[in-house]
Amino acid sequence: MVSHVIQFVVLGSGSGGNAAVVECGGMRLMIDAGLNAKQLSLRLLQVGIDPASLNGILLTHEHGDHVRGLKIFLKKNPMTVFTTPSTARIVRENGIEGGKWKFFEAGQVFTIGEITIETFAIQHDAVDPVGFVVGYKKKRLGFLSDAGFVTRSMTEQLRGLNGLFVEANYDEGLLDSDTKRPWSIKQRISSRHGHLSNGQVTELIRDISHPALGKVVLGHLSSDCNTPEIILAQLQACLSELGHGHVGLHCAPQHEPTEWFQF
């Protein structure tokens, strides 16, 4: 591990499963475990991490594409799971046990070693979904996945970041013209408890961008209602207009890990 920086890698992101790892302060934490246990282990090894070396898992919410691999992964690699009591209740009702469970309430700040974890409530159709800001040595990495609407409090929580992972699920035009999804599903996706659109992500970045923001990693892109080219072009235009063309933009794929990002 590199000292005095935050390192971050996305193992996979999309409707087929989501997981990421953040390293700092001598600690390794996985955020969500939505890939199957075999893929979690394989991709961890692919990016140079022994699964047994993880210091814990942070859960954003209980949906299958964020916890799918947790049951078997914990049996093979017992470790601490950090989540809200409501999320833990749903997850454990589905037979996921093992490990040690530590609870926090949305909005609570807690520490893991030298790392500070700020938590905040988000808008999504889950029981108690949360986002995170991981802080170490004055560096801050924001993590926002599966949110249907960006509230003012969420925006305030994400100010002053050095790096951000955020979902950019759909392009409004592509979702509207999609013929595979019934109207009810489109309504759910675009509702205040669904997923973030390219337009919503662009407005969030417009609000929080500043000279020290170095990287934005986009995740959870719909395979047929968004493309990396569309969202990257939209964000690059926005950031250039604001004088922040230095910000590195990346899209996390579903089927392989990203590179390591440092902040």
C-alpha atoms as a PDB file:
ATOM      1  CA  MET A   1       0.000   0.000   0.000  1.00  0.00           C
ATOM      2  CA  VAL A   2       1.087   3.562  -0.705  1.00  0.00           C
ATOM      3  CA  SER A   3       1.226   5.756   2.397  1.00  0.00           C
ATOM      4  CA  HIS A   4      -0.571   9.094   2.724  1.00  0.00           C
ATOM      5  CA  VAL A   5      -2.821   8.477  -0.283  1.00  0.00           C
ATOM      6  CA  ILE A   6      -6.165   6.835  -0.864  1.00  0.00           C
ATOM      7  CA  GLN A   7      -6.160   4.074  -3.479  1.00  0.00           C
ATOM      8  CA  PHE A   8      -9.363   2.836  -5.026  1.00  0.00           C
ATOM      9  CA  VAL A   9     -10.319   0.112  -7.518  1.00  0.00           C
ATOM     10  CA  VAL A  10     -13.709  -0.976  -8.843  1.00  0.00           C
ATOM     11  CA  LEU A  11     -13.922  -4.764  -9.195  1.00  0.00           C
ATOM     12  CA  GLY A  12     -17.077  -4.527 -11.313  1.00  0.00           C
ATOM     13  CA  SER A  13     -20.098  -2.260 -11.582  1.00  0.00           C
ATOM     14  CA  GLY A  14     -23.500  -2.706 -13.184  1.00  0.00           C
ATOM     15  CA  SER A  15     -26.772  -4.556 -12.790  1.00  0.00           C
ATOM     16  CA  GLY A  16     -24.818  -7.839 -12.755  1.00  0.00           C
ATOM     17  CA  GLY A  17     -23.008  -6.943  -9.532  1.00  0.00           C
ATOM     18  CA  ASN A  18     -21.077  -4.190  -7.773  1.00  0.00           C
ATOM     19  CA  ALA A  19     -17.949  -4.219  -5.612  1.00  0.00           C
ATOM     20  CA  ALA A  20     -14.983  -1.933  -5.021  1.00  0.00           C
ATOM     21  CA  VAL A  21     -11.964  -1.727  -2.718  1.00  0.00           C
ATOM     22  CA  VAL A  22     -10.441   1.298  -1.020  1.00  0.00           C
ATOM     23  CA  GLU A  23      -6.944   1.205   0.519  1.00  0.00           C
ATOM     24  CA  CYS A  24      -5.488   3.772   2.903  1.00  0.00           C
ATOM     25  CA  GLY A  25      -3.921   4.020   6.323  1.00  0.00           C
ATOM     26  CA  GLY A  26      -2.749   0.425   6.166  1.00  0.00           C
ATOM     27  CA  MET A  27      -6.341  -0.807   5.766  1.00  0.00           C
ATOM     28  CA  ARG A  28      -8.222  -2.487   2.919  1.00  0.00           C
ATOM     29  CA  LEU A  29     -12.006  -2.186   2.824  1.00  0.00           C
ATOM     30  CA  MET A  30     -14.374  -3.640   0.259  1.00  0.00           C
ATOM     31  CA  ILE A  31     -17.485  -1.608  -0.526  1.00  0.00           C
ATOM     32  CA  ASP A  32     -20.362  -3.961  -1.391  1.00  0.00           C
ATOM     33  CA  ALA A  33     -20.056  -7.592  -2.470  1.00  0.00           C
ATOM     34  CA  GLY A  34     -22.495  -7.932  -5.343  1.00  0.00           C
ATOM     35  CA  LEU A  35     -20.406 -10.165  -7.611  1.00  0.00           C
ATOM     36  CA  ASN A  36     -20.559 -13.890  -6.858  1.00  0.00           C
ATOM     37  CA  ALA A  37     -17.978 -15.086  -4.340  1.00  0.00           C
ATOM     38  CA  LYS A  38     -15.802 -16.737  -6.986  1.00  0.00           C
ATOM     39  CA  GLN A  39     -15.634 -13.545  -9.049  1.00  0.00           C
ATOM     40  CA  LEU A  40     -14.954 -11.447  -5.947  1.00  0.00           C
ATOM     41  CA  SER A  41     -11.949 -13.606  -5.097  1.00  0.00           C
ATOM     42  CA  LEU A  42     -10.687 -13.825  -8.672  1.00  0.00           C
ATOM     43  CA  ARG A  43     -10.896 -10.083  -9.262  1.00  0.00           C
ATOM     44  CA  LEU A  44      -9.323  -9.266  -5.908  1.00  0.00           C
ATOM     45  CA  LEU A  45      -6.376 -11.467  -6.839  1.00  0.00           C
ATOM     46  CA  GLN A  46      -6.311  -9.882 -10.303  1.00  0.00           C
ATOM     47  CA  VAL A  47      -5.703  -6.448  -8.731  1.00  0.00           C
ATOM     48  CA  GLY A  48      -3.111  -7.813  -6.303  1.00  0.00           C
ATOM     49  CA  ILE A  49      -5.226  -8.349  -3.174  1.00  0.00           C
ATOM     50  CA  ASP A  50      -5.393 -11.529  -1.124  1.00  0.00           C
ATOM     51  CA  PRO A  51      -9.097 -11.776  -0.137  1.00  0.00           C
ATOM     52  CA  ALA A  52      -8.071 -12.736   3.403  1.00  0.00           C
ATOM     53  CA  SER A  53      -6.160  -9.444   3.744  1.00  0.00           C
ATOM     54  CA  LEU A  54      -9.337  -7.322   3.657  1.00  0.00           C
ATOM     55  CA  ASN A  55     -10.094  -5.573   6.951  1.00  0.00           C
ATOM     56  CA  GLY A  56     -13.851  -5.374   6.421  1.00  0.00           C
ATOM     57  CA  ILE A  57     -16.791  -4.800   4.105  1.00  0.00           C
ATOM     58  CA  LEU A  58     -18.992  -1.703   3.933  1.00  0.00           C
ATOM     59  CA  LEU A  59     -22.536  -2.210   2.604  1.00  0.00           C
ATOM     60  CA  THR A  60     -24.497   0.534   0.877  1.00  0.00           C
ATOM     61  CA  HIS A  61     -27.805  -1.401   0.831  1.00  0.00           C
ATOM     62  CA  GLU A  62     -29.318  -4.871   0.635  1.00  0.00           C
ATOM     63  CA  HIS A  63     -30.109  -5.349  -3.068  1.00  0.00           C
ATOM     64  CA  GLY A  64     -28.750  -8.520  -4.647  1.00  0.00           C
ATOM     65  CA  ASP A  65     -26.389  -6.760  -7.037  1.00  0.00           C
ATOM     66  CA  HIS A  66     -24.635  -5.338  -3.962  1.00  0.00           C
ATOM     67  CA  VAL A  67     -24.622  -8.357  -1.598  1.00  0.00           C
ATOM     68  CA  ARG A  68     -24.862 -11.423  -3.873  1.00  0.00           C
ATOM     69  CA  GLY A  69     -21.446 -12.856  -3.045  1.00  0.00           C
ATOM     70  CA  LEU A  70     -21.456 -12.007   0.649  1.00  0.00           C
ATOM     71  CA  LYS A  71     -22.692 -15.314   2.103  1.00  0.00           C
ATOM     72  CA  ILE A  72     -20.062 -17.589   0.566  1.00  0.00           C
ATOM     73  CA  PHE A  73     -17.321 -14.953   0.659  1.00  0.00           C
ATOM     74  CA  LEU A  74     -17.750 -14.507   4.437  1.00  0.00           C
ATOM     75  CA  LYS A  75     -17.636 -18.262   5.010  1.00  0.00           C
ATOM     76  CA  LYS A  76     -14.259 -18.414   3.299  1.00  0.00           C
ATOM     77  CA  ASN A  77     -12.986 -15.063   4.593  1.00  0.00           C
ATOM     78  CA  PRO A  78     -14.541 -14.158   7.972  1.00  0.00           C
ATOM     79  CA  MET A  79     -14.331 -10.409   8.553  1.00  0.00           C
ATOM     80  CA  THR A  80     -16.279  -7.439   9.879  1.00  0.00           C
ATOM     81  CA  VAL A  81     -19.298  -6.162   7.955  1.00  0.00           C
ATOM     82  CA  PHE A  82     -20.223  -2.504   8.536  1.00  0.00           C
ATOM     83  CA  THR A  83     -23.830  -1.618   7.791  1.00  0.00           C
ATOM     84  CA  THR A  84     -26.996  -0.110   9.223  1.00  0.00           C
ATOM     85  CA  PRO A  85     -29.178  -2.292  11.497  1.00  0.00           C
ATOM     86  CA  SER A  86     -32.065  -2.227   9.014  1.00  0.00           C
ATOM     87  CA  THR A  87     -29.887  -3.335   6.100  1.00  0.00           C
ATOM     88  CA  ALA A  88     -28.309  -6.054   8.248  1.00  0.00           C
ATOM     89  CA  ARG A  89     -31.737  -7.371   9.235  1.00  0.00           C
ATOM     90  CA  ILE A  90     -32.810  -7.829   5.606  1.00  0.00           C
ATOM     91  CA  VAL A  91     -29.472  -9.304   4.570  1.00  0.00           C
ATOM     92  CA  ARG A  92     -29.437 -11.794   7.446  1.00  0.00           C
ATOM     93  CA  GLU A  93     -33.048 -12.792   6.844  1.00  0.00           C
ATOM     94  CA  ASN A  94     -31.811 -13.967   3.447  1.00  0.00           C
ATOM     95  CA  GLY A  95     -29.396 -16.356   5.128  1.00  0.00           C
ATOM     96  CA  ILE A  96     -26.209 -14.314   5.037  1.00  0.00           C
ATOM     97  CA  GLU A  97     -24.342 -14.783   8.293  1.00  0.00           C
ATOM     98  CA  GLY A  98     -20.741 -15.296   9.346  1.00  0.00           C
ATOM     99  CA  GLY A  99     -18.232 -12.584  10.068  1.00  0.00           C
ATOM    100  CA  LYS A 100     -18.682  -9.910  12.707  1.00  0.00           C
ATOM    101  CA  TRP A 101     -21.334  -7.241  12.227  1.00  0.00           C
ATOM    102  CA  LYS A 102     -20.864  -3.640  13.301  1.00  0.00           C
ATOM    103  CA  PHE A 103     -23.721  -1.186  12.983  1.00  0.00           C
ATOM    104  CA  PHE A 104     -23.960   2.514  12.271  1.00  0.00           C
ATOM    105  CA  GLU A 105     -26.890   4.821  11.625  1.00  0.00           C
ATOM    106  CA  ALA A 106     -27.089   6.862   8.414  1.00  0.00           C
ATOM    107  CA  GLY A 107     -25.408  10.182   9.126  1.00  0.00           C
ATOM    108  CA  GLN A 108     -23.023   8.715  11.693  1.00  0.00           C
ATOM    109  CA  VAL A 109     -19.244   9.189  11.456  1.00  0.00           C
ATOM    110  CA  PHE A 110     -16.976   6.395  12.692  1.00  0.00           C
ATOM    111  CA  THR A 111     -13.367   5.302  12.364  1.00  0.00           C
ATOM    112  CA  ILE A 112     -11.660   2.119  11.210  1.00  0.00           C
ATOM    113  CA  GLY A 113      -8.047   2.385  12.276  1.00  0.00           C
ATOM    114  CA  GLU A 114      -6.851   5.771  11.009  1.00  0.00           C
ATOM    115  CA  ILE A 115      -9.637   6.014   8.411  1.00  0.00           C
ATOM    116  CA  THR A 116     -12.708   8.171   8.974  1.00  0.00           C
ATOM    117  CA  ILE A 117     -15.973   6.938   7.458  1.00  0.00           C
ATOM    118  CA  GLU A 118     -18.691   9.553   6.997  1.00  0.00           C
ATOM    119  CA  THR A 119     -22.090   8.073   6.166  1.00  0.00           C
ATOM    120  CA  PHE A 120     -25.139   9.767   4.708  1.00  0.00           C
ATOM    121  CA  ALA A 121     -28.676   8.746   3.774  1.00  0.00           C
ATOM    122  CA  ILE A 122     -29.522   8.504   0.085  1.00  0.00           C
ATOM    123  CA  GLN A 123     -32.702   8.204  -1.980  1.00  0.00           C
ATOM    124  CA  HIS A 124     -33.279   4.650  -3.319  1.00  0.00           C
ATOM    125  CA  ASP A 125     -35.905   1.923  -3.085  1.00  0.00           C
ATOM    126  CA  ALA A 126     -34.041   0.033  -0.366  1.00  0.00           C
ATOM    127  CA  VAL A 127     -34.696  -0.166   3.373  1.00  0.00           C
ATOM    128  CA  ASP A 128     -31.895   2.147   4.573  1.00  0.00           C
ATOM    129  CA  PRO A 129     -29.452   2.989   1.749  1.00  0.00           C
ATOM    130  CA  VAL A 130     -26.329   5.020   2.458  1.00  0.00           C
ATOM    131  CA  GLY A 131     -23.389   6.666   0.745  1.00  0.00           C
ATOM    132  CA  PHE A 132     -19.876   7.015   2.139  1.00  0.00           C
ATOM    133  CA  VAL A 133     -17.028   9.496   2.305  1.00  0.00           C
ATOM    134  CA  VAL A 134     -13.728   7.819   3.192  1.00  0.00           C
ATOM    135  CA  GLY A 135     -11.245  10.219   4.756  1.00  0.00           C
ATOM    136  CA  TYR A 136      -7.527   9.789   5.429  1.00  0.00           C
ATOM    137  CA  LYS A 137      -4.793  12.430   5.963  1.00  0.00           C
ATOM    138  CA  LYS A 138      -6.995  15.276   4.643  1.00  0.00           C
ATOM    139  CA  LYS A 139      -7.851  13.272   1.504  1.00  0.00           C
ATOM    140  CA  ARG A 140     -11.513  12.436   0.858  1.00  0.00           C
ATOM    141  CA  LEU A 141     -13.095   9.862  -1.459  1.00  0.00           C
ATOM    142  CA  GLY A 142     -16.866   9.950  -1.986  1.00  0.00           C
ATOM    143  CA  PHE A 143     -18.918   6.879  -2.847  1.00  0.00           C
ATOM    144  CA  LEU A 144     -22.472   7.279  -4.160  1.00  0.00           C
ATOM    145  CA  SER A 145     -24.247   4.370  -5.812  1.00  0.00           C
ATOM    146  CA  ASP A 146     -27.921   3.618  -6.474  1.00  0.00           C
ATOM    147  CA  ALA A 147     -29.595   6.935  -5.733  1.00  0.00           C
ATOM    148  CA  GLY A 148     -32.671   8.211  -7.515  1.00  0.00           C
ATOM    149  CA  PHE A 149     -32.306  11.837  -6.541  1.00  0.00           C
ATOM    150  CA  VAL A 150     -29.519  14.101  -5.279  1.00  0.00           C
ATOM    151  CA  THR A 151     -30.689  15.992  -2.209  1.00  0.00           C
ATOM    152  CA  ARG A 152     -29.116  19.199  -0.964  1.00  0.00           C
ATOM    153  CA  SER A 153     -27.697  17.365   2.063  1.00  0.00           C
ATOM    154  CA  MET A 154     -26.088  14.753  -0.199  1.00  0.00           C
ATOM    155  CA  THR A 155     -24.487  17.504  -2.271  1.00  0.00           C
ATOM    156  CA  GLU A 156     -23.135  19.200   0.860  1.00  0.00           C
ATOM    157  CA  GLN A 157     -21.728  15.879   2.081  1.00  0.00           C
ATOM    158  CA  LEU A 158     -19.834  15.458  -1.200  1.00  0.00           C
ATOM    159  CA  ARG A 159     -18.125  18.853  -1.261  1.00  0.00           C
ATOM    160  CA  GLY A 160     -14.337  19.069  -0.934  1.00  0.00           C
ATOM    161  CA  LEU A 161     -13.612  15.623  -2.373  1.00  0.00           C
ATOM    162  CA  ASN A 162     -10.364  14.512  -3.996  1.00  0.00           C
ATOM    163  CA  GLY A 163     -12.069  11.609  -5.746  1.00  0.00           C
ATOM    164  CA  LEU A 164     -15.604  10.390  -6.372  1.00  0.00           C
ATOM    165  CA  PHE A 165     -17.280   7.168  -7.424  1.00  0.00           C
ATOM    166  CA  VAL A 166     -20.830   7.857  -8.581  1.00  0.00           C
ATOM    167  CA  GLU A 167     -23.403   5.917 -10.552  1.00  0.00           C
ATOM    168  CA  ALA A 168     -24.430   7.252 -13.969  1.00  0.00           C
ATOM    169  CA  ASN A 169     -27.112   4.716 -14.729  1.00  0.00           C
ATOM    170  CA  TYR A 170     -28.986   6.016 -17.743  1.00  0.00           C
ATOM    171  CA  ASP A 171     -29.178   8.607 -20.475  1.00  0.00           C
ATOM    172  CA  GLU A 172     -32.610  10.215 -20.413  1.00  0.00           C
ATOM    173  CA  GLY A 173     -33.099  10.013 -24.189  1.00  0.00           C
ATOM    174  CA  LEU A 174     -31.995   6.385 -24.451  1.00  0.00           C
ATOM    175  CA  LEU A 175     -34.242   5.315 -21.562  1.00  0.00           C
ATOM    176  CA  ASP A 176     -37.199   7.148 -23.057  1.00  0.00           C
ATOM    177  CA  SER A 177     -36.737   5.474 -26.448  1.00  0.00           C
ATOM    178  CA  ASP A 178     -35.956   2.001 -25.053  1.00  0.00           C
ATOM    179  CA  THR A 179     -38.416  -0.615 -26.336  1.00  0.00           C
ATOM    180  CA  LYS A 180     -37.411  -3.484 -24.036  1.00  0.00           C
ATOM    181  CA  ARG A 181     -38.584  -1.975 -20.768  1.00  0.00           C
ATOM    182  CA  PRO A 182     -42.262  -1.492 -19.932  1.00  0.00           C
ATOM    183  CA  TRP A 183     -43.396   1.957 -18.849  1.00  0.00           C
ATOM    184  CA  SER A 184     -43.615   0.872 -15.179  1.00  0.00           C
ATOM    185  CA  ILE A 185     -39.930  -0.117 -15.125  1.00  0.00           C
ATOM    186  CA  LYS A 186     -38.915   3.146 -16.787  1.00  0.00           C
ATOM    187  CA  GLN A 187     -40.883   4.993 -14.127  1.00  0.00           C
ATOM    188  CA  ARG A 188     -39.143   3.083 -11.349  1.00  0.00           C
ATOM    189  CA  ILE A 189     -35.670   3.748 -12.804  1.00  0.00           C
ATOM    190  CA  SER A 190     -36.288   7.473 -13.242  1.00  0.00           C
ATOM    191  CA  SER A 191     -38.163   7.978  -9.951  1.00  0.00           C
ATOM    192  CA  ARG A 192     -36.773   9.727  -6.883  1.00  0.00           C
ATOM    193  CA  HIS A 193     -35.987   6.274  -5.454  1.00  0.00           C
ATOM    194  CA  GLY A 194     -34.527   4.764  -8.625  1.00  0.00           C
ATOM    195  CA  HIS A 195     -31.195   5.550 -10.268  1.00  0.00           C
ATOM    196  CA  LEU A 196     -29.219   8.614 -11.288  1.00  0.00           C
ATOM    197  CA  SER A 197     -29.365   9.896 -14.851  1.00  0.00           C
ATOM    198  CA  ASN A 198     -26.508  11.458 -16.780  1.00  0.00           C
ATOM    199  CA  GLY A 199     -28.143  14.851 -16.302  1.00  0.00           C
ATOM    200  CA  GLN A 200     -28.380  14.429 -12.526  1.00  0.00           C
ATOM    201  CA  VAL A 201     -24.757  13.306 -12.277  1.00  0.00           C
ATOM    202  CA  THR A 202     -23.632  16.249 -14.404  1.00  0.00           C
ATOM    203  CA  GLU A 203     -25.460  18.704 -12.136  1.00  0.00           C
ATOM    204  CA  LEU A 204     -23.922  17.078  -9.047  1.00  0.00           C
ATOM    205  CA  ILE A 205     -20.419  17.364 -10.527  1.00  0.00           C
ATOM    206  CA  ARG A 206     -21.158  20.970 -11.525  1.00  0.00           C
ATOM    207  CA  ASP A 207     -22.076  21.719  -7.895  1.00  0.00           C
ATOM    208  CA  ILE A 208     -19.123  20.016  -6.200  1.00  0.00           C
ATOM    209  CA  SER A 209     -16.208  20.346  -8.644  1.00  0.00           C
ATOM    210  CA  HIS A 210     -13.202  22.309  -7.390  1.00  0.00           C
ATOM    211  CA  PRO A 211      -9.460  22.453  -8.152  1.00  0.00           C
ATOM    212  CA  ALA A 212      -8.514  19.569  -5.810  1.00  0.00           C
ATOM    213  CA  LEU A 213     -11.012  17.105  -7.336  1.00  0.00           C
ATOM    214  CA  GLY A 214      -8.733  14.782  -9.273  1.00  0.00           C
ATOM    215  CA  LYS A 215     -10.778  11.768 -10.386  1.00  0.00           C
ATOM    216  CA  VAL A 216     -14.408  10.889 -11.035  1.00  0.00           C
ATOM    217  CA  VAL A 217     -15.176   7.206 -11.621  1.00  0.00           C
ATOM    218  CA  LEU A 218     -18.613   6.482 -13.070  1.00  0.00           C
ATOM    219  CA  GLY A 219     -20.361   3.202 -12.359  1.00  0.00           C
ATOM    220  CA  HIS A 220     -23.586   1.230 -12.721  1.00  0.00           C
ATOM    221  CA  LEU A 221     -23.986   2.274 -16.385  1.00  0.00           C
ATOM    222  CA  SER A 222     -26.966   0.609 -18.025  1.00  0.00           C
ATOM    223  CA  SER A 223     -25.797  -1.704 -20.810  1.00  0.00           C
ATOM    224  CA  ASP A 224     -28.482  -0.486 -23.221  1.00  0.00           C
ATOM    225  CA  CYS A 225     -29.653   2.883 -21.846  1.00  0.00           C
ATOM    226  CA  ASN A 226     -26.250   4.535 -21.536  1.00  0.00           C
ATOM    227  CA  THR A 227     -22.762   4.456 -23.033  1.00  0.00           C
ATOM    228  CA  PRO A 228     -19.386   5.582 -21.682  1.00  0.00           C
ATOM    229  CA  GLU A 229     -19.036   7.896 -24.685  1.00  0.00           C
ATOM    230  CA  ILE A 230     -22.243   9.808 -23.893  1.00  0.00           C
ATOM    231  CA  ILE A 231     -21.617  10.433 -20.186  1.00  0.00           C
ATOM    232  CA  LEU A 232     -17.878  11.105 -20.584  1.00  0.00           C
ATOM    233  CA  ALA A 233     -18.507  13.706 -23.280  1.00  0.00           C
ATOM    234  CA  GLN A 234     -21.245  15.350 -21.208  1.00  0.00           C
ATOM    235  CA  LEU A 235     -19.100  15.559 -18.077  1.00  0.00           C
ATOM    236  CA  GLN A 236     -15.973  16.670 -19.926  1.00  0.00           C
ATOM    237  CA  ALA A 237     -17.897  19.545 -21.493  1.00  0.00           C
ATOM    238  CA  CYS A 238     -19.283  20.546 -18.097  1.00  0.00           C
ATOM    239  CA  LEU A 239     -15.896  20.431 -16.354  1.00  0.00           C
ATOM    240  CA  SER A 240     -14.114  22.288 -19.168  1.00  0.00           C
ATOM    241  CA  GLU A 241     -16.737  25.010 -19.006  1.00  0.00           C
ATOM    242  CA  LEU A 242     -16.058  25.356 -15.273  1.00  0.00           C
ATOM    243  CA  GLY A 243     -12.287  25.467 -15.754  1.00  0.00           C
ATOM    244  CA  HIS A 244     -11.783  22.009 -14.235  1.00  0.00           C
ATOM    245  CA  GLY A 245     -10.679  20.144 -17.339  1.00  0.00           C
ATOM    246  CA  HIS A 246      -7.913  18.526 -15.265  1.00  0.00           C
ATOM    247  CA  VAL A 247     -10.370  16.116 -13.608  1.00  0.00           C
ATOM    248  CA  GLY A 248      -9.767  12.529 -14.756  1.00  0.00           C
ATOM    249  CA  LEU A 249     -12.950  10.777 -15.895  1.00  0.00           C
ATOM    250  CA  HIS A 250     -13.334   7.001 -16.051  1.00  0.00           C
ATOM    251  CA  CYS A 251     -16.179   4.494 -16.515  1.00  0.00           C
ATOM    252  CA  ALA A 252     -16.095   1.281 -14.485  1.00  0.00           C
ATOM    253  CA  PRO A 253     -17.078  -1.793 -16.539  1.00  0.00           C
ATOM    254  CA  GLN A 254     -19.176  -4.733 -15.399  1.00  0.00           C
ATOM    255  CA  HIS A 255     -16.964  -7.641 -16.407  1.00  0.00           C
ATOM    256  CA  GLU A 256     -13.456  -6.654 -15.299  1.00  0.00           C
ATOM    257  CA  PRO A 257     -11.744  -4.463 -12.698  1.00  0.00           C
ATOM    258  CA  THR A 258     -10.656  -0.915 -13.373  1.00  0.00           C
ATOM    259  CA  GLU A 259      -7.111   0.285 -12.925  1.00  0.00           C
ATOM    260  CA  TRP A 260      -6.099   1.532  -9.473  1.00  0.00           C
ATOM    261  CA  PHE A 261      -6.885   5.194  -8.873  1.00  0.00           C
ATOM    262  CA  GLN A 262      -4.910   7.317  -6.394  1.00  0.00           C
ATOM    263  CA  PHE A 263      -6.017  10.485  -4.654  1.00  0.00           C
END
